[in-house]
Amino acid sequence: MVKKGLVTINTQLCSNCNGREILVGGKSNTWKAPESRDETLNQWSGRTRFKIGDSLLWKYNAENDSVLQVRQTDYERCDRSEPIRGYKDGHTNIELKRSGPFYFISGEEGHCQRGEKLRVVVLSPNHNRSVVDAPAPVNIVLSPNYNRSVAAAPLNAHIMNKGSLNTAWSLLLLLPLGLLV
């Protein structure tokens, strides 16, 4: 009974163990009004996959900027009056604890209107699983002496879902704990 409980606890605790720390914009000092419309933070976030457990890291000059987490309507209007949360430390780290959209704007006057804003969409847990592409088709030429009674291994027998591998490692790590009980 206790062993089963330990496995359940480990599975729940490690469901987001693979969270990443993602630097906003991909590099330091990107939290500013874009110099052109060719490369905005929203274009960057559109190319980046975010999952539950990831953290966003902003690196910026705290003397002249800040980060506000806001609701969608405040994001669209660049309304700084009622943020969900505000940060002004120059090294802001926010964990993405749920799926769905998150909205961030600059807390400084006029910055959001000039494009200093970010929308991030976190994938649902179902999208966090590793997806493996089907193997490319293989042309097989059979020799005249081919024995049809010998079965060949499936072409994709070596492919394993990373999630299954992580679960297997988690269970192996818990095995000593279960033996102690």
N, C-alpha and C. Protein backbone atom coordinates (compact mmCIF):
# COMPACT_ATOMS: atom_id res chain seq x y z
N MET A 1 0.82 -1.19 0.00
CA MET A 1 0.00 0.00 0.00
C MET A 1 0.87 1.26 0.00
N VAL A 2 1.87 1.29 0.90
CA VAL A 2 2.75 2.44 0.98
C VAL A 2 3.58 2.57 -0.28
N LYS A 3 4.04 1.44 -0.83
CA LYS A 3 4.84 1.47 -2.04
C LYS A 3 4.07 2.11 -3.19
N LYS A 4 2.82 1.77 -3.32
CA LYS A 4 1.99 2.34 -4.37
C LYS A 4 1.85 3.84 -4.17
N GLY A 5 1.72 4.27 -2.93
CA GLY A 5 1.61 5.70 -2.63
C GLY A 5 2.88 6.45 -3.00
N LEU A 6 4.05 5.83 -2.78
CA LEU A 6 5.31 6.47 -3.14
C LEU A 6 5.41 6.65 -4.64
N VAL A 7 5.00 5.65 -5.40
CA VAL A 7 5.04 5.76 -6.85
C VAL A 7 4.11 6.87 -7.31
N THR A 8 2.93 6.95 -6.73
CA THR A 8 1.98 8.00 -7.11
C THR A 8 2.56 9.38 -6.81
N ILE A 9 3.15 9.54 -5.63
CA ILE A 9 3.73 10.83 -5.26
C ILE A 9 4.85 11.19 -6.22
N ASN A 10 5.74 10.25 -6.54
CA ASN A 10 6.85 10.52 -7.43
C ASN A 10 6.35 10.91 -8.82
N THR A 11 5.36 10.22 -9.33
CA THR A 11 4.83 10.53 -10.65
C THR A 11 4.25 11.93 -10.66
N GLN A 12 3.54 12.32 -9.61
CA GLN A 12 2.96 13.65 -9.56
C GLN A 12 4.03 14.71 -9.41
N LEU A 13 5.02 14.47 -8.58
CA LEU A 13 6.07 15.45 -8.37
C LEU A 13 6.95 15.61 -9.61
N CYS A 14 7.17 14.56 -10.34
CA CYS A 14 8.07 14.61 -11.48
C CYS A 14 7.37 14.85 -12.80
N SER A 15 6.08 15.10 -12.77
CA SER A 15 5.38 15.34 -14.03
C SER A 15 5.91 16.58 -14.72
N ASN A 16 6.50 17.51 -13.95
CA ASN A 16 7.06 18.73 -14.54
C ASN A 16 8.53 18.89 -14.21
N CYS A 17 9.23 17.78 -13.94
CA CYS A 17 10.64 17.84 -13.58
C CYS A 17 11.51 18.37 -14.72
N ASN A 18 11.02 18.31 -15.92
CA ASN A 18 11.83 18.71 -17.05
C ASN A 18 11.61 20.17 -17.44
N GLY A 19 11.11 21.00 -16.54
CA GLY A 19 10.90 22.40 -16.85
C GLY A 19 12.22 23.08 -17.18
N ARG A 20 12.15 24.03 -18.10
CA ARG A 20 13.35 24.74 -18.53
C ARG A 20 13.27 26.18 -18.08
N GLU A 21 14.40 26.82 -17.93
CA GLU A 21 14.45 28.26 -17.72
C GLU A 21 14.71 28.88 -19.08
N ILE A 22 13.78 29.69 -19.54
CA ILE A 22 13.85 30.24 -20.89
C ILE A 22 14.08 31.74 -20.80
N LEU A 23 15.18 32.20 -21.36
CA LEU A 23 15.52 33.62 -21.38
C LEU A 23 14.61 34.32 -22.38
N VAL A 24 13.85 35.28 -21.93
CA VAL A 24 12.89 35.98 -22.79
C VAL A 24 13.63 36.62 -23.96
N GLY A 25 13.17 36.31 -25.15
CA GLY A 25 13.80 36.82 -26.36
C GLY A 25 15.03 36.04 -26.79
N GLY A 26 15.46 35.10 -25.96
CA GLY A 26 16.62 34.29 -26.29
C GLY A 26 17.95 34.88 -25.87
N LYS A 27 17.96 36.12 -25.38
CA LYS A 27 19.21 36.75 -24.94
C LYS A 27 18.90 37.89 -23.98
N SER A 28 19.91 38.40 -23.31
CA SER A 28 19.73 39.49 -22.34
C SER A 28 19.32 40.78 -23.06
N ASN A 29 18.70 41.64 -22.32
CA ASN A 29 18.30 42.98 -22.78
C ASN A 29 17.36 42.97 -23.98
N THR A 30 16.50 41.99 -24.07
CA THR A 30 15.49 42.00 -25.13
C THR A 30 14.18 42.58 -24.63
N TRP A 31 14.07 42.82 -23.31
CA TRP A 31 12.85 43.41 -22.75
C TRP A 31 12.92 44.91 -22.95
N LYS A 32 12.56 45.32 -24.16
CA LYS A 32 12.55 46.73 -24.54
C LYS A 32 11.68 46.86 -25.78
N ALA A 33 11.35 48.09 -26.12
CA ALA A 33 10.56 48.30 -27.33
C ALA A 33 11.37 47.81 -28.53
N PRO A 34 10.76 47.04 -29.42
CA PRO A 34 11.51 46.52 -30.57
C PRO A 34 11.98 47.65 -31.48
N GLU A 35 13.16 47.46 -32.05
CA GLU A 35 13.71 48.45 -32.96
C GLU A 35 12.99 48.44 -34.29
N SER A 36 12.41 47.30 -34.65
CA SER A 36 11.62 47.21 -35.88
C SER A 36 10.52 46.18 -35.67
N ARG A 37 9.55 46.17 -36.56
CA ARG A 37 8.46 45.19 -36.48
C ARG A 37 8.88 43.84 -37.06
N ASP A 38 10.12 43.77 -37.57
CA ASP A 38 10.61 42.52 -38.16
C ASP A 38 10.86 41.45 -37.10
N GLU A 39 11.23 41.86 -35.89
CA GLU A 39 11.53 40.89 -34.84
C GLU A 39 11.01 41.39 -33.50
N THR A 40 9.80 40.96 -33.16
CA THR A 40 9.21 41.34 -31.87
C THR A 40 9.29 40.15 -30.92
N LEU A 41 9.07 40.41 -29.65
CA LEU A 41 9.06 39.33 -28.67
C LEU A 41 7.93 38.34 -28.95
N ASN A 42 6.82 38.81 -29.48
CA ASN A 42 5.72 37.90 -29.80
C ASN A 42 6.08 36.98 -30.97
N GLN A 43 6.88 37.47 -31.90
CA GLN A 43 7.34 36.58 -32.97
C GLN A 43 8.26 35.51 -32.39
N TRP A 44 9.13 35.92 -31.46
CA TRP A 44 10.00 34.95 -30.78
C TRP A 44 9.16 33.92 -30.02
N SER A 45 8.17 34.38 -29.24
CA SER A 45 7.37 33.45 -28.44
C SER A 45 6.55 32.52 -29.34
N GLY A 46 6.16 32.99 -30.52
CA GLY A 46 5.42 32.15 -31.45
C GLY A 46 6.25 30.99 -31.99
N ARG A 47 7.58 31.14 -31.98
CA ARG A 47 8.47 30.08 -32.45
C ARG A 47 8.95 29.18 -31.31
N THR A 48 8.58 29.51 -30.08
CA THR A 48 9.07 28.79 -28.91
C THR A 48 7.93 28.00 -28.28
N ARG A 49 8.18 26.75 -27.94
CA ARG A 49 7.17 25.93 -27.27
C ARG A 49 7.36 26.03 -25.77
N PHE A 50 6.31 26.42 -25.09
CA PHE A 50 6.34 26.55 -23.63
C PHE A 50 5.47 25.46 -23.04
N LYS A 51 5.95 24.86 -21.95
CA LYS A 51 5.16 23.83 -21.29
C LYS A 51 5.06 24.14 -19.80
N ILE A 52 4.10 23.52 -19.15
CA ILE A 52 3.91 23.70 -17.72
C ILE A 52 5.21 23.31 -17.01
N GLY A 53 5.66 24.15 -16.09
CA GLY A 53 6.90 23.90 -15.37
C GLY A 53 8.07 24.70 -15.89
N ASP A 54 7.97 25.23 -17.11
CA ASP A 54 9.01 26.11 -17.63
C ASP A 54 8.98 27.43 -16.86
N SER A 55 10.11 28.14 -16.88
CA SER A 55 10.19 29.47 -16.26
C SER A 55 10.65 30.46 -17.31
N LEU A 56 10.06 31.64 -17.28
CA LEU A 56 10.51 32.74 -18.13
C LEU A 56 11.47 33.59 -17.32
N LEU A 57 12.61 33.95 -17.91
CA LEU A 57 13.59 34.79 -17.24
C LEU A 57 13.78 36.06 -18.05
N TRP A 58 13.51 37.19 -17.41
CA TRP A 58 13.76 38.49 -18.02
C TRP A 58 15.04 39.05 -17.42
N LYS A 59 15.93 39.56 -18.27
CA LYS A 59 17.11 40.30 -17.81
C LYS A 59 17.01 41.68 -18.44
N TYR A 60 16.91 42.71 -17.58
CA TYR A 60 16.70 44.07 -18.07
C TYR A 60 17.25 45.06 -17.05
N ASN A 61 17.33 46.31 -17.44
CA ASN A 61 17.81 47.37 -16.56
C ASN A 61 16.66 47.81 -15.66
N ALA A 62 16.77 47.49 -14.37
CA ALA A 62 15.69 47.78 -13.42
C ALA A 62 15.53 49.27 -13.15
N GLU A 63 16.51 50.08 -13.51
CA GLU A 63 16.40 51.52 -13.28
C GLU A 63 15.40 52.18 -14.22
N ASN A 64 15.19 51.58 -15.39
CA ASN A 64 14.27 52.22 -16.34
C ASN A 64 13.25 51.28 -16.95
N ASP A 65 13.00 50.13 -16.30
CA ASP A 65 11.98 49.23 -16.84
C ASP A 65 11.47 48.29 -15.76
N SER A 66 10.40 47.58 -16.09
CA SER A 66 9.79 46.60 -15.20
C SER A 66 8.94 45.66 -16.03
N VAL A 67 8.45 44.60 -15.38
CA VAL A 67 7.59 43.61 -16.03
C VAL A 67 6.29 43.53 -15.26
N LEU A 68 5.17 43.62 -15.98
CA LEU A 68 3.85 43.46 -15.37
C LEU A 68 3.16 42.27 -16.01
N GLN A 69 2.64 41.37 -15.18
CA GLN A 69 1.77 40.32 -15.70
C GLN A 69 0.36 40.87 -15.63
N VAL A 70 -0.36 40.82 -16.76
CA VAL A 70 -1.68 41.45 -16.85
C VAL A 70 -2.69 40.51 -17.50
N ARG A 71 -3.95 40.93 -17.46
CA ARG A 71 -5.02 40.20 -18.13
C ARG A 71 -5.01 40.56 -19.62
N GLN A 72 -5.69 39.75 -20.42
CA GLN A 72 -5.68 39.95 -21.87
C GLN A 72 -6.15 41.34 -22.27
N THR A 73 -7.24 41.82 -21.68
CA THR A 73 -7.75 43.14 -22.06
C THR A 73 -6.75 44.24 -21.72
N ASP A 74 -6.06 44.11 -20.57
CA ASP A 74 -5.05 45.10 -20.20
C ASP A 74 -3.84 45.02 -21.14
N TYR A 75 -3.52 43.82 -21.57
CA TYR A 75 -2.44 43.62 -22.55
C TYR A 75 -2.78 44.34 -23.85
N GLU A 76 -3.99 44.13 -24.35
CA GLU A 76 -4.40 44.73 -25.62
C GLU A 76 -4.45 46.25 -25.54
N ARG A 77 -4.83 46.80 -24.39
CA ARG A 77 -4.94 48.26 -24.21
C ARG A 77 -3.66 48.89 -23.66
N CYS A 78 -2.68 48.07 -23.31
CA CYS A 78 -1.47 48.55 -22.63
C CYS A 78 -1.84 49.28 -21.34
N ASP A 79 -2.77 48.70 -20.60
CA ASP A 79 -3.25 49.29 -19.34
C ASP A 79 -2.43 48.75 -18.18
N ARG A 80 -1.69 49.64 -17.51
CA ARG A 80 -0.80 49.26 -16.41
C ARG A 80 -1.44 49.43 -15.05
N SER A 81 -2.70 49.85 -14.99
CA SER A 81 -3.30 50.27 -13.72
C SER A 81 -3.61 49.12 -12.75
N GLU A 82 -3.93 47.93 -13.24
CA GLU A 82 -4.29 46.82 -12.34
C GLU A 82 -3.59 45.52 -12.75
N PRO A 83 -2.28 45.45 -12.58
CA PRO A 83 -1.56 44.22 -12.97
C PRO A 83 -1.88 43.07 -12.02
N ILE A 84 -1.76 41.87 -12.52
CA ILE A 84 -1.87 40.68 -11.67
C ILE A 84 -0.67 40.65 -10.73
N ARG A 85 0.52 40.89 -11.30
CA ARG A 85 1.78 40.97 -10.54
C ARG A 85 2.71 41.96 -11.22
N GLY A 86 3.60 42.54 -10.44
CA GLY A 86 4.59 43.46 -10.98
C GLY A 86 5.98 43.12 -10.48
N TYR A 87 6.98 43.33 -11.33
CA TYR A 87 8.37 42.99 -11.00
C TYR A 87 9.27 44.13 -11.46
N LYS A 88 10.25 44.47 -10.63
CA LYS A 88 11.18 45.54 -10.99
C LYS A 88 12.58 45.24 -10.45
N ASP A 89 13.00 44.00 -10.57
CA ASP A 89 14.29 43.59 -10.01
C ASP A 89 15.41 43.44 -11.04
N GLY A 90 15.09 43.54 -12.33
CA GLY A 90 16.10 43.42 -13.37
C GLY A 90 16.45 41.98 -13.72
N HIS A 91 15.95 41.05 -12.92
CA HIS A 91 16.23 39.62 -13.13
C HIS A 91 14.99 38.85 -12.71
N THR A 92 13.92 39.00 -13.47
CA THR A 92 12.61 38.45 -13.11
C THR A 92 12.47 37.03 -13.64
N ASN A 93 12.06 36.13 -12.77
CA ASN A 93 11.86 34.73 -13.13
C ASN A 93 10.43 34.34 -12.75
N ILE A 94 9.64 33.93 -13.74
CA ILE A 94 8.24 33.56 -13.51
C ILE A 94 8.01 32.14 -14.01
N GLU A 95 7.54 31.27 -13.10
CA GLU A 95 7.24 29.89 -13.48
C GLU A 95 5.86 29.84 -14.12
N LEU A 96 5.75 29.09 -15.20
CA LEU A 96 4.49 28.89 -15.91
C LEU A 96 3.83 27.64 -15.33
N LYS A 97 2.84 27.85 -14.45
CA LYS A 97 2.27 26.75 -13.67
C LYS A 97 1.00 26.15 -14.25
N ARG A 98 0.52 26.70 -15.36
CA ARG A 98 -0.73 26.20 -15.96
C ARG A 98 -0.63 26.35 -17.47
N SER A 99 -1.52 25.67 -18.17
CA SER A 99 -1.55 25.83 -19.62
C SER A 99 -2.40 27.05 -19.97
N GLY A 100 -2.24 27.52 -21.19
CA GLY A 100 -3.02 28.67 -21.65
C GLY A 100 -2.14 29.89 -21.85
N PRO A 101 -2.77 31.03 -22.15
CA PRO A 101 -2.01 32.24 -22.44
C PRO A 101 -1.60 33.00 -21.17
N PHE A 102 -0.44 33.65 -21.24
CA PHE A 102 0.06 34.57 -20.22
C PHE A 102 0.38 35.88 -20.95
N TYR A 103 0.11 37.00 -20.29
CA TYR A 103 0.31 38.31 -20.91
C TYR A 103 1.22 39.16 -20.03
N PHE A 104 2.21 39.81 -20.67
CA PHE A 104 3.16 40.66 -19.96
C PHE A 104 3.35 41.95 -20.73
N ILE A 105 3.43 43.06 -19.99
CA ILE A 105 3.72 44.35 -20.60
C ILE A 105 4.76 45.06 -19.75
N SER A 106 5.38 46.07 -20.34
CA SER A 106 6.31 46.90 -19.57
C SER A 106 5.51 47.77 -18.62
N GLY A 107 6.07 48.01 -17.44
CA GLY A 107 5.41 48.87 -16.47
C GLY A 107 5.76 50.34 -16.63
N GLU A 108 6.60 50.66 -17.60
CA GLU A 108 7.03 52.04 -17.79
C GLU A 108 6.16 52.75 -18.82
N GLU A 109 5.91 54.01 -18.57
CA GLU A 109 5.06 54.85 -19.43
C GLU A 109 5.51 54.80 -20.89
N GLY A 110 4.58 54.46 -21.78
CA GLY A 110 4.81 54.49 -23.21
C GLY A 110 5.54 53.29 -23.80
N HIS A 111 6.15 52.46 -22.99
CA HIS A 111 6.91 51.32 -23.52
C HIS A 111 6.01 50.29 -24.19
N CYS A 112 4.90 49.95 -23.56
CA CYS A 112 3.99 48.95 -24.14
C CYS A 112 3.44 49.45 -25.48
N GLN A 113 3.09 50.72 -25.54
CA GLN A 113 2.54 51.28 -26.78
C GLN A 113 3.55 51.18 -27.92
N ARG A 114 4.84 51.15 -27.59
CA ARG A 114 5.89 51.03 -28.61
C ARG A 114 6.25 49.56 -28.88
N GLY A 115 5.49 48.63 -28.29
CA GLY A 115 5.67 47.21 -28.61
C GLY A 115 6.37 46.38 -27.55
N GLU A 116 6.65 46.95 -26.38
CA GLU A 116 7.32 46.17 -25.33
C GLU A 116 6.26 45.39 -24.56
N LYS A 117 5.90 44.25 -25.13
CA LYS A 117 4.87 43.39 -24.56
C LYS A 117 5.11 41.97 -25.05
N LEU A 118 4.56 41.02 -24.32
CA LEU A 118 4.80 39.62 -24.64
C LEU A 118 3.58 38.79 -24.31
N ARG A 119 3.20 37.95 -25.26
CA ARG A 119 2.13 36.96 -25.06
C ARG A 119 2.78 35.59 -25.20
N VAL A 120 2.57 34.75 -24.20
CA VAL A 120 3.14 33.40 -24.18
C VAL A 120 1.98 32.41 -24.05
N VAL A 121 1.98 31.38 -24.85
CA VAL A 121 0.95 30.34 -24.75
C VAL A 121 1.63 29.05 -24.29
N VAL A 122 1.18 28.54 -23.14
CA VAL A 122 1.72 27.31 -22.57
C VAL A 122 0.86 26.14 -23.04
N LEU A 123 1.52 25.12 -23.57
CA LEU A 123 0.81 23.95 -24.08
C LEU A 123 0.14 23.18 -22.96
N SER A 124 -0.96 22.51 -23.30
CA SER A 124 -1.64 21.67 -22.32
C SER A 124 -0.77 20.46 -22.02
N PRO A 125 -1.00 19.78 -20.89
CA PRO A 125 -0.17 18.62 -20.54
C PRO A 125 -0.14 17.55 -21.63
N ASN A 126 -1.21 17.40 -22.39
CA ASN A 126 -1.23 16.40 -23.46
C ASN A 126 -0.21 16.71 -24.54
N HIS A 127 0.12 18.00 -24.73
CA HIS A 127 1.10 18.38 -25.74
C HIS A 127 2.53 18.26 -25.24
N ASN A 128 2.72 18.04 -23.94
CA ASN A 128 4.07 17.95 -23.39
C ASN A 128 4.75 16.63 -23.69
N ARG A 129 3.98 15.64 -24.07
CA ARG A 129 4.58 14.34 -24.37
C ARG A 129 5.42 14.45 -25.63
N SER A 130 6.48 13.70 -25.65
CA SER A 130 7.36 13.70 -26.80
C SER A 130 6.66 13.02 -27.97
N VAL A 131 6.73 13.63 -29.11
CA VAL A 131 6.13 13.06 -30.31
C VAL A 131 7.25 12.61 -31.22
N VAL A 132 7.20 11.38 -31.64
CA VAL A 132 8.23 10.83 -32.51
C VAL A 132 7.65 10.71 -33.90
N ASP A 133 8.36 11.25 -34.89
CA ASP A 133 7.90 11.15 -36.27
C ASP A 133 8.00 9.71 -36.74
N ALA A 134 7.13 9.35 -37.65
CA ALA A 134 7.19 8.02 -38.24
C ALA A 134 8.48 7.91 -39.04
N PRO A 135 9.08 6.74 -39.06
CA PRO A 135 10.31 6.58 -39.83
C PRO A 135 10.03 6.72 -41.32
N ALA A 136 11.04 7.14 -42.04
CA ALA A 136 10.91 7.29 -43.49
C ALA A 136 10.72 5.91 -44.11
N PRO A 137 9.97 5.85 -45.20
CA PRO A 137 9.78 4.55 -45.86
C PRO A 137 11.13 4.00 -46.33
N VAL A 138 11.26 2.69 -46.27
CA VAL A 138 12.50 2.03 -46.67
C VAL A 138 12.17 1.07 -47.80
N ASN A 139 12.95 1.15 -48.86
CA ASN A 139 12.79 0.19 -49.95
C ASN A 139 13.64 -1.03 -49.63
N ILE A 140 13.02 -2.18 -49.62
CA ILE A 140 13.72 -3.42 -49.31
C ILE A 140 13.75 -4.29 -50.56
N VAL A 141 14.94 -4.71 -50.90
CA VAL A 141 15.10 -5.61 -52.04
C VAL A 141 15.37 -6.99 -51.48
N LEU A 142 14.53 -7.94 -51.84
CA LEU A 142 14.67 -9.30 -51.33
C LEU A 142 15.53 -10.12 -52.28
N SER A 143 16.43 -10.88 -51.71
CA SER A 143 17.26 -11.75 -52.55
C SER A 143 16.41 -12.95 -52.99
N PRO A 144 16.81 -13.60 -54.04
CA PRO A 144 16.04 -14.77 -54.49
C PRO A 144 16.01 -15.88 -53.44
N ASN A 145 16.99 -15.90 -52.53
CA ASN A 145 17.05 -16.95 -51.51
C ASN A 145 16.36 -16.53 -50.22
N TYR A 146 15.57 -15.47 -50.22
CA TYR A 146 14.92 -14.95 -49.01
C TYR A 146 13.97 -15.99 -48.43
N ASN A 147 14.08 -16.25 -47.14
CA ASN A 147 13.21 -17.20 -46.45
C ASN A 147 12.06 -16.43 -45.82
N ARG A 148 10.86 -16.55 -46.33
CA ARG A 148 9.71 -15.79 -45.85
C ARG A 148 9.26 -16.22 -44.46
N SER A 149 9.71 -17.34 -43.98
CA SER A 149 9.27 -17.79 -42.66
C SER A 149 10.01 -17.09 -41.52
N VAL A 150 11.10 -16.39 -41.83
CA VAL A 150 11.86 -15.67 -40.80
C VAL A 150 11.25 -14.29 -40.64
N ALA A 151 10.82 -13.96 -39.44
CA ALA A 151 10.19 -12.65 -39.20
C ALA A 151 11.26 -11.61 -38.93
N ALA A 152 11.09 -10.45 -39.53
CA ALA A 152 12.02 -9.33 -39.29
C ALA A 152 11.48 -8.47 -38.16
N ALA A 153 12.39 -7.81 -37.45
CA ALA A 153 11.97 -6.87 -36.39
C ALA A 153 11.32 -5.67 -37.04
N PRO A 154 10.33 -5.08 -36.39
CA PRO A 154 9.70 -3.88 -36.95
C PRO A 154 10.75 -2.78 -37.14
N LEU A 155 10.59 -1.97 -38.17
CA LEU A 155 11.56 -0.92 -38.47
C LEU A 155 11.66 0.12 -37.36
N ASN A 156 10.59 0.34 -36.62
CA ASN A 156 10.61 1.38 -35.59
C ASN A 156 10.73 0.80 -34.18
N ALA A 157 11.28 -0.40 -34.04
CA ALA A 157 11.38 -1.04 -32.74
C ALA A 157 12.29 -0.28 -31.79
N HIS A 158 13.22 0.53 -32.30
CA HIS A 158 14.16 1.27 -31.46
C HIS A 158 13.60 2.58 -30.93
N ILE A 159 12.43 3.00 -31.38
CA ILE A 159 11.88 4.29 -30.97
C ILE A 159 11.14 4.14 -29.66
N MET A 160 11.45 5.02 -28.70
CA MET A 160 10.78 4.97 -27.40
C MET A 160 10.36 6.38 -27.02
N ASN A 161 9.19 6.49 -26.50
CA ASN A 161 8.70 7.78 -26.02
C ASN A 161 9.53 8.20 -24.82
N LYS A 162 10.06 9.44 -24.83
CA LYS A 162 10.86 9.93 -23.72
C LYS A 162 10.09 9.89 -22.41
N GLY A 163 8.79 10.13 -22.47
CA GLY A 163 7.97 10.09 -21.26
C GLY A 163 8.01 8.72 -20.61
N SER A 164 7.97 7.67 -21.42
CA SER A 164 8.05 6.31 -20.88
C SER A 164 9.40 6.08 -20.24
N LEU A 165 10.45 6.60 -20.87
CA LEU A 165 11.79 6.45 -20.33
C LEU A 165 11.92 7.19 -19.01
N ASN A 166 11.39 8.42 -18.92
CA ASN A 166 11.43 9.18 -17.67
C ASN A 166 10.68 8.45 -16.57
N THR A 167 9.52 7.88 -16.90
CA THR A 167 8.74 7.14 -15.90
C THR A 167 9.52 5.92 -15.43
N ALA A 168 10.17 5.23 -16.36
CA ALA A 168 10.96 4.05 -15.99
C ALA A 168 12.08 4.44 -15.04
N TRP A 169 12.80 5.52 -15.33
CA TRP A 169 13.89 5.97 -14.44
C TRP A 169 13.33 6.38 -13.09
N SER A 170 12.20 7.06 -13.08
CA SER A 170 11.60 7.47 -11.81
C SER A 170 11.27 6.26 -10.95
N LEU A 171 10.72 5.23 -11.58
CA LEU A 171 10.37 4.02 -10.84
C LEU A 171 11.62 3.31 -10.33
N LEU A 172 12.68 3.28 -11.15
CA LEU A 172 13.93 2.65 -10.71
C LEU A 172 14.53 3.40 -9.53
N LEU A 173 14.44 4.73 -9.55
CA LEU A 173 14.97 5.53 -8.45
C LEU A 173 14.18 5.32 -7.17
N LEU A 174 12.89 5.02 -7.29
CA LEU A 174 12.05 4.82 -6.11
C LEU A 174 12.14 3.41 -5.55
N LEU A 175 12.65 2.49 -6.33
CA LEU A 175 12.72 1.10 -5.88
C LEU A 175 13.41 0.96 -4.53
N PRO A 176 14.57 1.60 -4.29
CA PRO A 176 15.19 1.48 -2.96
C PRO A 176 14.31 2.02 -1.84
N LEU A 177 13.55 3.07 -2.10
CA LEU A 177 12.65 3.61 -1.08
C LEU A 177 11.56 2.60 -0.73
N GLY A 178 11.06 1.91 -1.73
CA GLY A 178 10.02 0.91 -1.49
C GLY A 178 10.54 -0.27 -0.69
N LEU A 179 11.80 -0.59 -0.86
CA LEU A 179 12.38 -1.70 -0.11
C LEU A 179 12.58 -1.35 1.36
N LEU A 180 12.74 -0.06 1.66
CA LEU A 180 12.93 0.37 3.03
C LEU A 180 11.66 0.28 3.85
N VAL A 181 10.51 0.34 3.20
CA VAL A 181 9.23 0.36 3.91
C VAL A 181 8.82 -1.01 4.35
